[in-house]
Amino acid sequence: MNSLPGRSALLFFLALLVSNAFSQESIPSAAADRPVRLTWWREARFGMFIHYGPVSLTGKELSWSRANSNPNCPNHGETPVEVYDHLYKTFDPENFNASDWTGLAKAAGMKYLIFVAKHCDGFLMWPSKVDPYNIGASPFKRDFCAELSQAARKDGLGFGFYFSPMDWRDPECRSTNNDHFVAHMQEELRELLTAYGQIDVLWFDSDGRPTMWHPETTYPLVRKLQPKIIIDNRLQLDTGEQWKHQELLKLRENEDFYTPEQHVGAYDETQPWESCITLGTQWAWKPNDKIKSAAEVVRILAQTVGGDGNLLLDVGPMPDGRIEPRQIEVLKKVGAWMDLNRESIYATRGGPWKPTQQIASTRKRNAVFVFLLNRNQTALELPALPHKIISASVLGGGSVSMETAKGKVILHLPPRQAWTATVIKLQLDGSAMDIPAIALPAAISTGSSEKYSLP
């Protein structure tokens, strides 16, 4: 049990104080100023997620690889509790350098970084005074949260924390003593959100079970401590079905964006969203893992931004604190592509053509950017736009010939680049932002012997 002796009565009393304080104090409407708080995040479009901790010593998935010790929680992993819960005693990532991680995110073209400060296994990646089960008790001892927050600010990145409200290690979680557990959890949050300056994002999680985390006091606590923060939608996801179909749920007052996992979300310009996807196959480092190619990452990014969402791409550093060289190589190639095509990603909105497996599009002011994905075609026919296209060019250099006929725009395409997506910029004679989103037909004519069916 990750408890401090005699904590229950004290923490319950603290919870009552917090509840009374926030019930008596007016908290500004989170929904009312959501567009302002989200401005930088929507312009950023691309961020790095980092899952890391003592579990890297096993090469297995964070938290889910831990055997179950609480019947009210869903994990049934292969690592025995008596092994998993003592991994921290030999965890000493001597080659960790925060600026290496943040520098790689910047080199990849990412604009913000979310670090897992506490996952569902309850281990804290900062030297907490609230709970002794933390990085300060490891041979490493140093404060990951402090070093990464400082390095991120130095590199000009937005910075946030992932924080699991549940703790599968704590027997009070979802028990008859759950109120005591929540008081303890809120004290962890208070510590995390007061020790590291401005925190831009708080990324709660859900395990698809009933949520018992007292949102009526948890949200006001967070917003009181960090007024500019943006918060995801997972604190109150109560079922596996809600987790799977988040796009069907309306964001609540304190939820700023929703979070499709391991897939690109569908086109949605009505609510902010962010797909979180691993570079490998699990949430944490895995030896000899199958990792995505740079071309795959670019395709995922284009389809996500083309759907009007953000991409949060996860990396899992190795036990010694370094990010695996294979992952570095992929991310640097993505960064080289971003250097040429950044105009089509940052500060854009999705559309006007909805993304498919073959194309995606984004827009900004009077410009539309078309991403050519997985293509062999020499020409592309798309439904015409309500504004005249006055020029077409390839980002990074090159021209595209174009014609319009019978309600279609026909682009005659340049040779395919060696490894990844080509981006065509279309300059319009009016604003691209007022064009209703256009669903593409069942197949696109490609000017070759091939027709691509669309989802």
Protein backbone atom coordinates (compact mmCIF):
# COMPACT_ATOMS: atom_id res chain seq x y z
CA MET A 1 0.00 0.00 0.00
CA ASN A 2 1.39 3.40 -0.97
CA SER A 3 0.02 5.15 2.08
CA LEU A 4 1.49 7.36 4.74
CA PRO A 5 0.83 6.25 8.34
CA GLY A 6 -2.40 7.69 9.71
CA ARG A 7 -3.17 9.59 6.54
CA SER A 8 -6.93 8.83 6.32
CA ALA A 9 -8.38 11.21 8.90
CA LEU A 10 -6.07 14.05 7.92
CA LEU A 11 -6.71 13.67 4.20
CA PHE A 12 -10.46 13.40 4.66
CA PHE A 13 -10.36 16.63 6.65
CA LEU A 14 -8.30 18.28 3.90
CA ALA A 15 -10.82 17.11 1.30
CA LEU A 16 -13.65 18.75 3.25
CA LEU A 17 -11.67 21.99 3.43
CA VAL A 18 -11.04 21.93 -0.31
CA SER A 19 -14.70 21.22 -1.03
CA ASN A 20 -15.90 24.05 1.22
CA ALA A 21 -13.37 26.49 -0.19
CA PHE A 22 -14.39 25.90 -3.78
CA SER A 23 -18.10 25.84 -3.04
CA GLN A 24 -17.80 29.32 -1.51
CA GLU A 25 -15.57 30.81 -4.18
CA SER A 26 -16.73 31.68 -7.67
CA ILE A 27 -14.65 29.94 -10.34
CA PRO A 28 -14.77 31.54 -13.81
CA SER A 29 -16.52 29.48 -16.47
CA ALA A 30 -13.99 27.16 -18.08
CA ALA A 31 -16.09 26.78 -21.22
CA ALA A 32 -16.40 30.55 -21.69
CA ASP A 33 -12.67 31.19 -22.05
CA ARG A 34 -11.85 27.83 -23.67
CA PRO A 35 -11.12 29.32 -27.13
CA VAL A 36 -8.57 31.73 -25.66
CA ARG A 37 -6.80 29.08 -23.57
CA LEU A 38 -6.75 26.70 -26.53
CA THR A 39 -5.33 29.15 -29.08
CA TRP A 40 -1.66 28.15 -28.73
CA TRP A 41 -2.53 24.44 -28.61
CA ARG A 42 -4.65 24.50 -31.75
CA GLU A 43 -1.90 26.34 -33.58
CA ALA A 44 0.76 23.88 -32.37
CA ARG A 45 -0.94 20.78 -33.84
CA PHE A 46 1.92 18.35 -33.04
CA GLY A 47 3.24 17.26 -29.65
CA MET A 48 5.34 14.58 -27.96
CA PHE A 49 3.98 12.19 -25.33
CA ILE A 50 6.52 10.45 -23.06
CA HIS A 51 5.68 7.29 -21.08
CA TYR A 52 8.57 6.37 -18.82
CA GLY A 53 9.40 4.92 -15.44
CA PRO A 54 10.83 1.88 -13.67
CA VAL A 55 8.71 -0.37 -15.92
CA SER A 56 11.24 0.27 -18.70
CA LEU A 57 13.50 -2.23 -16.90
CA THR A 58 11.09 -4.98 -17.97
CA GLY A 59 10.41 -3.71 -21.50
CA LYS A 60 6.67 -4.13 -20.87
CA GLU A 61 3.74 -1.74 -20.98
CA LEU A 62 3.41 0.84 -18.23
CA SER A 63 0.90 -0.15 -15.51
CA TRP A 64 -0.98 -2.69 -17.64
CA SER A 65 1.85 -5.21 -17.22
CA ARG A 66 1.36 -5.16 -13.43
CA ALA A 67 -0.59 -8.05 -11.93
CA ASN A 68 -3.88 -7.17 -10.29
CA SER A 69 -4.05 -6.39 -6.57
CA ASN A 70 -7.36 -4.49 -6.58
CA PRO A 71 -10.48 -6.27 -7.89
CA ASN A 72 -12.06 -2.89 -8.69
CA CYS A 73 -9.33 -2.14 -11.26
CA PRO A 74 -8.89 -3.73 -14.71
CA ASN A 75 -5.18 -4.63 -14.98
CA HIS A 76 -4.16 -8.29 -15.07
CA GLY A 77 -0.56 -8.09 -16.24
CA GLU A 78 2.16 -10.71 -16.26
CA THR A 79 4.57 -9.01 -13.82
CA PRO A 80 3.87 -10.07 -10.22
CA VAL A 81 3.07 -7.26 -7.80
CA GLU A 82 6.03 -8.14 -5.59
CA VAL A 83 8.30 -7.64 -8.61
CA TYR A 84 6.62 -4.66 -10.31
CA ASP A 85 6.29 -2.59 -7.15
CA HIS A 86 10.01 -2.94 -6.35
CA LEU A 87 11.40 -2.07 -9.80
CA TYR A 88 12.14 1.47 -8.63
CA LYS A 89 14.81 0.13 -6.25
CA THR A 90 17.15 -0.54 -9.21
CA PHE A 91 15.94 2.24 -11.52
CA ASP A 92 18.88 4.53 -12.27
CA PRO A 93 18.74 6.04 -15.80
CA GLU A 94 22.25 7.49 -15.70
CA ASN A 95 22.15 8.70 -19.33
CA PHE A 96 19.01 10.79 -18.93
CA ASN A 97 19.36 14.35 -20.16
CA ALA A 98 16.17 16.40 -20.28
CA SER A 99 17.46 18.66 -23.05
CA ASP A 100 18.06 15.60 -25.25
CA TRP A 101 14.38 14.71 -25.01
CA THR A 102 13.04 18.23 -25.49
CA GLY A 103 15.60 18.94 -28.21
CA LEU A 104 14.42 15.89 -30.12
CA ALA A 105 10.80 17.02 -29.83
CA LYS A 106 11.79 20.40 -31.22
CA ALA A 107 13.86 18.82 -34.01
CA ALA A 108 10.82 16.72 -35.00
CA GLY A 109 8.71 19.84 -35.40
CA MET A 110 6.71 19.26 -32.23
CA LYS A 111 5.47 22.28 -30.31
CA TYR A 112 4.64 20.81 -26.90
CA LEU A 113 5.51 17.90 -24.63
CA ILE A 114 3.34 15.89 -22.23
CA PHE A 115 5.22 13.85 -19.62
CA VAL A 116 3.69 11.02 -17.61
CA ALA A 117 4.16 12.23 -14.03
CA LYS A 118 1.93 9.51 -12.55
CA HIS A 119 0.50 6.51 -14.38
CA CYS A 120 -2.05 3.99 -13.11
CA ASP A 121 0.60 2.07 -11.14
CA GLY A 122 0.82 4.99 -8.70
CA PHE A 123 4.56 5.66 -9.05
CA LEU A 124 5.35 9.38 -8.95
CA MET A 125 8.08 10.74 -11.21
CA TRP A 126 8.80 13.60 -8.82
CA PRO A 127 10.19 13.45 -5.23
CA SER A 128 6.82 13.82 -3.53
CA LYS A 129 6.25 14.68 0.10
CA VAL A 130 2.71 13.28 -0.19
CA ASP A 131 3.57 9.69 -1.08
CA PRO A 132 6.88 7.84 -0.54
CA TYR A 133 6.42 5.69 -3.67
CA ASN A 134 8.31 8.11 -5.91
CA ILE A 135 11.48 8.74 -7.90
CA GLY A 136 13.20 10.24 -4.87
CA ALA A 137 13.32 6.75 -3.32
CA SER A 138 15.13 5.30 -6.36
CA PRO A 139 18.90 5.27 -6.90
CA PHE A 140 18.35 8.01 -9.50
CA LYS A 141 16.68 10.39 -7.02
CA ARG A 142 16.51 13.34 -9.44
CA ASP A 143 13.25 15.12 -10.29
CA PHE A 144 12.14 14.28 -13.83
CA CYS A 145 9.29 16.77 -13.70
CA ALA A 146 11.55 19.67 -12.73
CA GLU A 147 14.26 18.94 -15.28
CA LEU A 148 11.85 18.36 -18.16
CA SER A 149 9.72 21.43 -17.42
CA GLN A 150 12.84 23.60 -17.37
CA ALA A 151 14.24 22.09 -20.57
CA ALA A 152 10.89 22.42 -22.37
CA ARG A 153 10.65 26.12 -21.55
CA LYS A 154 14.24 26.65 -22.67
CA ASP A 155 13.39 25.04 -26.02
CA GLY A 156 10.19 27.07 -26.40
CA LEU A 157 7.84 24.09 -26.00
CA GLY A 158 4.50 24.02 -24.28
CA PHE A 159 4.64 21.65 -21.32
CA GLY A 160 2.11 19.50 -19.53
CA PHE A 161 1.64 16.47 -17.31
CA TYR A 162 -0.23 13.23 -17.71
CA PHE A 163 -1.71 12.35 -14.32
CA SER A 164 -3.69 9.20 -13.56
CA PRO A 165 -6.45 9.92 -11.02
CA MET A 166 -6.67 6.19 -10.25
CA ASP A 167 -3.95 4.21 -8.53
CA TRP A 168 -4.26 0.46 -9.03
CA ARG A 169 -1.67 -0.16 -6.30
CA ASP A 170 -3.66 1.62 -3.59
CA PRO A 171 -6.33 -0.64 -2.02
CA GLU A 172 -8.40 2.43 -1.09
CA CYS A 173 -8.92 3.27 -4.78
CA ARG A 174 -12.60 2.58 -5.60
CA SER A 175 -13.09 1.07 -2.14
CA THR A 176 -15.40 2.08 0.69
CA ASN A 177 -12.54 4.44 1.64
CA ASN A 178 -12.46 6.07 -1.77
CA ASP A 179 -13.06 9.54 -0.31
CA HIS A 180 -9.78 9.18 1.57
CA PHE A 181 -8.10 8.03 -1.62
CA VAL A 182 -9.37 11.05 -3.56
CA ALA A 183 -8.13 13.41 -0.85
CA HIS A 184 -4.71 11.82 -1.21
CA MET A 185 -4.89 12.07 -5.01
CA GLN A 186 -5.82 15.74 -4.81
CA GLU A 187 -2.84 16.45 -2.58
CA GLU A 188 -0.60 14.84 -5.22
CA LEU A 189 -2.20 17.09 -7.83
CA ARG A 190 -1.71 20.16 -5.65
CA GLU A 191 1.96 19.32 -5.24
CA LEU A 192 2.45 18.65 -8.96
CA LEU A 193 0.69 21.84 -10.06
CA THR A 194 2.46 24.19 -7.65
CA ALA A 195 6.10 23.07 -7.90
CA TYR A 196 6.97 23.64 -11.56
CA GLY A 197 5.72 27.03 -12.69
CA GLN A 198 3.08 27.38 -15.37
CA ILE A 199 1.72 24.05 -16.59
CA ASP A 200 0.03 24.29 -19.97
CA VAL A 201 -1.83 20.96 -20.19
CA LEU A 202 -3.19 18.43 -17.71
CA TRP A 203 -3.86 15.04 -19.28
CA PHE A 204 -6.08 12.91 -17.03
CA ASP A 205 -6.71 9.27 -17.93
CA SER A 206 -9.52 6.74 -17.69
CA ASP A 207 -9.39 2.96 -17.41
CA GLY A 208 -12.93 2.44 -18.64
CA ARG A 209 -14.31 1.85 -15.15
CA PRO A 210 -16.64 4.08 -13.10
CA THR A 211 -14.91 7.34 -12.19
CA MET A 212 -14.89 8.22 -8.51
CA TRP A 213 -12.52 11.20 -8.54
CA HIS A 214 -14.83 13.99 -7.23
CA PRO A 215 -14.79 16.28 -10.28
CA GLU A 216 -16.80 18.87 -8.35
CA THR A 217 -13.67 19.60 -6.28
CA THR A 218 -10.88 18.22 -8.48
CA TYR A 219 -11.53 20.53 -11.43
CA PRO A 220 -11.75 23.72 -9.31
CA LEU A 221 -8.53 22.74 -7.54
CA VAL A 222 -6.73 22.40 -10.88
CA ARG A 223 -8.10 25.63 -12.33
CA LYS A 224 -7.40 27.57 -9.14
CA LEU A 225 -3.76 26.45 -9.16
CA GLN A 226 -3.26 26.80 -12.94
CA PRO A 227 -5.81 29.27 -14.40
CA LYS A 228 -4.46 29.05 -17.98
CA ILE A 229 -4.29 25.27 -18.11
CA ILE A 230 -6.17 23.14 -20.64
CA ILE A 231 -7.57 19.78 -19.53
CA ASP A 232 -8.52 16.69 -21.50
CA ASN A 233 -11.83 14.82 -21.21
CA ARG A 234 -10.87 11.62 -19.38
CA LEU A 235 -11.56 12.45 -15.72
CA GLN A 236 -15.24 11.59 -16.21
CA LEU A 237 -15.19 8.82 -18.82
CA ASP A 238 -17.17 6.17 -16.97
CA THR A 239 -17.29 3.19 -19.34
CA GLY A 240 -15.31 1.45 -22.04
CA GLU A 241 -17.94 2.49 -24.59
CA GLN A 242 -17.52 6.16 -23.68
CA TRP A 243 -13.75 5.72 -24.02
CA LYS A 244 -14.13 4.13 -27.47
CA HIS A 245 -16.64 6.65 -28.81
CA GLN A 246 -15.53 9.95 -27.34
CA GLU A 247 -16.48 11.82 -30.51
CA LEU A 248 -20.16 11.19 -29.66
CA LEU A 249 -19.90 12.95 -26.29
CA LYS A 250 -20.30 16.67 -25.80
CA LEU A 251 -17.41 18.21 -23.89
CA ARG A 252 -18.37 19.10 -20.33
CA GLU A 253 -17.73 22.45 -18.68
CA ASN A 254 -14.16 21.67 -17.62
CA GLU A 255 -13.14 19.50 -20.59
CA ASP A 256 -11.20 21.32 -23.30
CA PHE A 257 -10.52 18.52 -25.80
CA TYR A 258 -11.24 14.84 -26.35
CA THR A 259 -8.69 12.11 -26.94
CA PRO A 260 -8.99 9.29 -29.52
CA GLU A 261 -6.33 6.67 -28.73
CA GLN A 262 -4.19 4.67 -31.18
CA HIS A 263 -6.21 5.86 -34.18
CA VAL A 264 -6.79 9.04 -36.13
CA GLY A 265 -10.04 10.71 -35.12
CA ALA A 266 -12.79 11.41 -37.64
CA TYR A 267 -13.17 14.90 -39.13
CA ASP A 268 -14.55 17.19 -36.42
CA GLU A 269 -14.37 20.96 -36.51
CA THR A 270 -16.98 21.42 -33.79
CA GLN A 271 -14.98 20.18 -30.78
CA PRO A 272 -11.19 20.23 -30.19
CA TRP A 273 -9.56 16.80 -30.21
CA GLU A 274 -6.16 15.15 -30.03
CA SER A 275 -5.22 11.66 -31.20
CA CYS A 276 -2.60 10.00 -28.99
CA ILE A 277 -0.64 7.34 -30.88
CA THR A 278 2.51 5.39 -30.04
CA LEU A 279 5.60 5.45 -32.23
CA GLY A 280 6.04 1.78 -31.31
CA THR A 281 3.39 -0.74 -30.28
CA GLN A 282 2.93 -0.07 -26.55
CA TRP A 283 2.91 2.71 -23.97
CA ALA A 284 6.55 2.45 -22.81
CA TRP A 285 9.79 1.16 -24.28
CA LYS A 286 9.88 -2.35 -25.71
CA PRO A 287 13.10 -4.01 -26.90
CA ASN A 288 13.13 -4.78 -30.63
CA ASP A 289 9.74 -3.11 -30.97
CA LYS A 290 8.19 -2.51 -34.36
CA ILE A 291 8.26 1.25 -34.80
CA LYS A 292 6.50 3.38 -37.37
CA SER A 293 8.45 4.76 -40.29
CA ALA A 294 8.80 8.49 -40.87
CA ALA A 295 6.42 8.16 -43.82
CA GLU A 296 3.80 6.55 -41.55
CA VAL A 297 4.17 9.31 -38.97
CA VAL A 298 3.78 12.01 -41.65
CA ARG A 299 0.68 10.28 -43.02
CA ILE A 300 -0.84 10.04 -39.52
CA LEU A 301 -0.01 13.70 -38.84
CA ALA A 302 -1.53 14.85 -42.14
CA GLN A 303 -4.73 12.88 -41.64
CA THR A 304 -5.04 14.09 -38.04
CA VAL A 305 -4.50 17.77 -38.80
CA GLY A 306 -6.61 17.37 -41.94
CA GLY A 307 -9.41 16.17 -39.66
CA ASP A 308 -8.95 19.33 -37.54
CA GLY A 309 -7.21 17.55 -34.68
CA ASN A 310 -3.82 17.50 -32.93
CA LEU A 311 -1.39 14.59 -32.91
CA LEU A 312 0.32 13.59 -29.65
CA LEU A 313 2.98 11.06 -30.65
CA ASP A 314 4.38 8.88 -27.88
CA VAL A 315 7.96 7.76 -27.36
CA GLY A 316 9.22 5.46 -24.62
CA PRO A 317 12.82 6.05 -23.54
CA MET A 318 15.12 3.13 -22.71
CA PRO A 319 16.05 2.08 -19.15
CA ASP A 320 19.27 4.12 -19.24
CA GLY A 321 17.37 7.33 -20.01
CA ARG A 322 18.17 7.62 -23.71
CA ILE A 323 15.61 7.61 -26.49
CA GLU A 324 16.31 4.69 -28.79
CA PRO A 325 18.47 5.61 -31.84
CA ARG A 326 15.90 4.10 -34.24
CA GLN A 327 13.23 6.40 -32.85
CA ILE A 328 15.55 9.38 -33.04
CA GLU A 329 16.23 8.66 -36.70
CA VAL A 330 12.50 8.51 -37.50
CA LEU A 331 11.72 11.73 -35.65
CA LYS A 332 14.55 13.63 -37.28
CA LYS A 333 13.29 12.57 -40.71
CA VAL A 334 9.84 13.80 -39.73
CA GLY A 335 11.46 17.07 -38.67
CA ALA A 336 13.15 17.43 -42.06
CA TRP A 337 9.76 17.03 -43.73
CA MET A 338 8.27 19.58 -41.32
CA ASP A 339 10.97 22.09 -42.19
CA LEU A 340 9.74 22.04 -45.79
CA ASN A 341 6.03 21.79 -45.07
CA ARG A 342 5.50 23.57 -41.76
CA GLU A 343 3.17 26.10 -43.38
CA SER A 344 0.65 23.31 -44.01
CA ILE A 345 0.55 22.18 -40.36
CA TYR A 346 0.97 25.01 -37.87
CA ALA A 347 -1.97 27.36 -37.20
CA THR A 348 -4.13 25.60 -39.80
CA ARG A 349 -7.61 24.11 -39.59
CA GLY A 350 -8.77 20.90 -41.19
CA GLY A 351 -10.42 20.75 -44.61
CA PRO A 352 -11.98 21.89 -46.80
CA TRP A 353 -11.79 18.35 -48.21
CA LYS A 354 -12.22 15.73 -45.50
CA PRO A 355 -9.25 13.37 -45.17
CA THR A 356 -9.07 9.89 -46.66
CA GLN A 357 -6.37 7.24 -47.02
CA GLN A 358 -5.19 9.00 -50.18
CA ILE A 359 -5.34 12.71 -49.38
CA ALA A 360 -5.75 15.17 -46.55
CA SER A 361 -6.13 18.93 -46.62
CA THR A 362 -5.67 21.87 -44.29
CA ARG A 363 -6.43 25.56 -44.68
CA LYS A 364 -5.22 28.92 -43.47
CA ARG A 365 -6.49 32.34 -44.54
CA ASN A 366 -6.72 32.21 -48.39
CA ALA A 367 -4.72 29.03 -48.82
CA VAL A 368 -5.54 25.32 -48.97
CA PHE A 369 -2.86 22.64 -48.57
CA VAL A 370 -3.40 19.21 -50.13
CA PHE A 371 -1.36 16.27 -48.81
CA LEU A 372 -0.80 13.53 -51.37
CA LEU A 373 -0.59 10.24 -49.45
CA ASN A 374 0.27 6.76 -50.72
CA ARG A 375 0.04 7.85 -54.33
CA ASN A 376 1.14 6.63 -57.72
CA GLN A 377 -1.13 8.91 -59.72
CA THR A 378 -0.16 11.58 -62.20
CA ALA A 379 -3.31 13.65 -61.75
CA LEU A 380 -5.91 14.21 -59.05
CA GLU A 381 -9.54 15.20 -59.44
CA LEU A 382 -11.28 16.86 -56.50
CA PRO A 383 -14.67 18.56 -56.08
CA ALA A 384 -14.37 22.22 -56.98
CA LEU A 385 -14.24 24.92 -54.34
CA PRO A 386 -16.54 27.97 -54.21
CA HIS A 387 -13.51 30.28 -54.61
CA LYS A 388 -11.28 30.52 -57.64
CA ILE A 389 -7.84 28.90 -57.37
CA ILE A 390 -5.36 31.49 -58.57
CA SER A 391 -2.16 29.44 -58.19
CA ALA A 392 -0.91 25.96 -57.32
CA SER A 393 2.60 25.08 -56.14
CA VAL A 394 4.57 22.43 -54.30
CA LEU A 395 5.77 23.35 -50.82
CA GLY A 396 9.54 23.18 -50.84
CA GLY A 397 9.69 24.13 -54.52
CA GLY A 398 7.99 23.23 -57.75
CA SER A 399 4.84 24.07 -59.69
CA VAL A 400 1.63 22.21 -60.44
CA SER A 401 -0.52 22.65 -63.53
CA MET A 402 -4.22 22.82 -62.92
CA GLU A 403 -7.56 22.96 -64.70
CA THR A 404 -11.20 23.07 -63.73
CA ALA A 405 -14.02 21.28 -65.53
CA LYS A 406 -17.55 20.11 -64.71
CA GLY A 407 -17.44 21.05 -61.06
CA LYS A 408 -14.00 19.55 -60.49
CA VAL A 409 -10.49 20.81 -60.00
CA ILE A 410 -7.85 18.68 -61.74
CA LEU A 411 -4.26 18.85 -60.48
CA HIS A 412 -1.49 17.48 -62.69
CA LEU A 413 1.01 16.24 -60.17
CA PRO A 414 4.80 16.35 -59.92
CA PRO A 415 6.85 13.15 -59.50
CA ARG A 416 6.44 11.56 -56.10
CA GLN A 417 9.02 12.42 -53.46
CA ALA A 418 11.33 9.62 -52.41
CA TRP A 419 9.69 8.60 -49.17
CA THR A 420 6.73 10.63 -48.04
CA ALA A 421 3.87 13.02 -48.69
CA THR A 422 3.99 15.86 -51.18
CA VAL A 423 2.05 18.99 -50.22
CA ILE A 424 0.35 21.15 -52.84
CA LYS A 425 -0.51 24.75 -51.89
CA LEU A 426 -3.57 26.23 -53.56
CA GLN A 427 -3.95 29.99 -53.33
CA LEU A 428 -7.58 31.15 -53.49
CA ASP A 429 -9.15 34.50 -54.36
CA GLY A 430 -11.16 34.40 -51.13
CA SER A 431 -11.04 32.99 -47.63
CA ALA A 432 -10.62 29.24 -47.34
CA MET A 433 -12.02 29.38 -43.82
CA ASP A 434 -15.65 29.90 -44.80
CA ILE A 435 -15.92 26.84 -47.05
CA PRO A 436 -18.12 24.05 -45.61
CA ALA A 437 -16.24 20.77 -45.27
CA ILE A 438 -16.53 18.56 -48.36
CA ALA A 439 -16.79 14.76 -48.19
CA LEU A 440 -15.02 13.10 -51.10
CA PRO A 441 -16.75 10.63 -53.43
CA ALA A 442 -16.33 6.88 -53.17
CA ALA A 443 -13.31 6.94 -55.48
CA ILE A 444 -10.88 9.56 -56.73
CA SER A 445 -9.91 9.62 -60.37
CA THR A 446 -6.14 9.60 -60.49
CA GLY A 447 -5.22 10.02 -64.12
CA SER A 448 -3.56 6.59 -64.07
CA SER A 449 -4.87 3.09 -64.61
CA GLU A 450 -5.64 2.87 -60.90
CA LYS A 451 -8.64 4.09 -58.89
CA TYR A 452 -8.36 4.43 -55.14
CA SER A 453 -11.42 3.47 -53.09
CA LEU A 454 -11.99 5.70 -50.11
CA PRO A 455 -13.27 4.79 -46.66
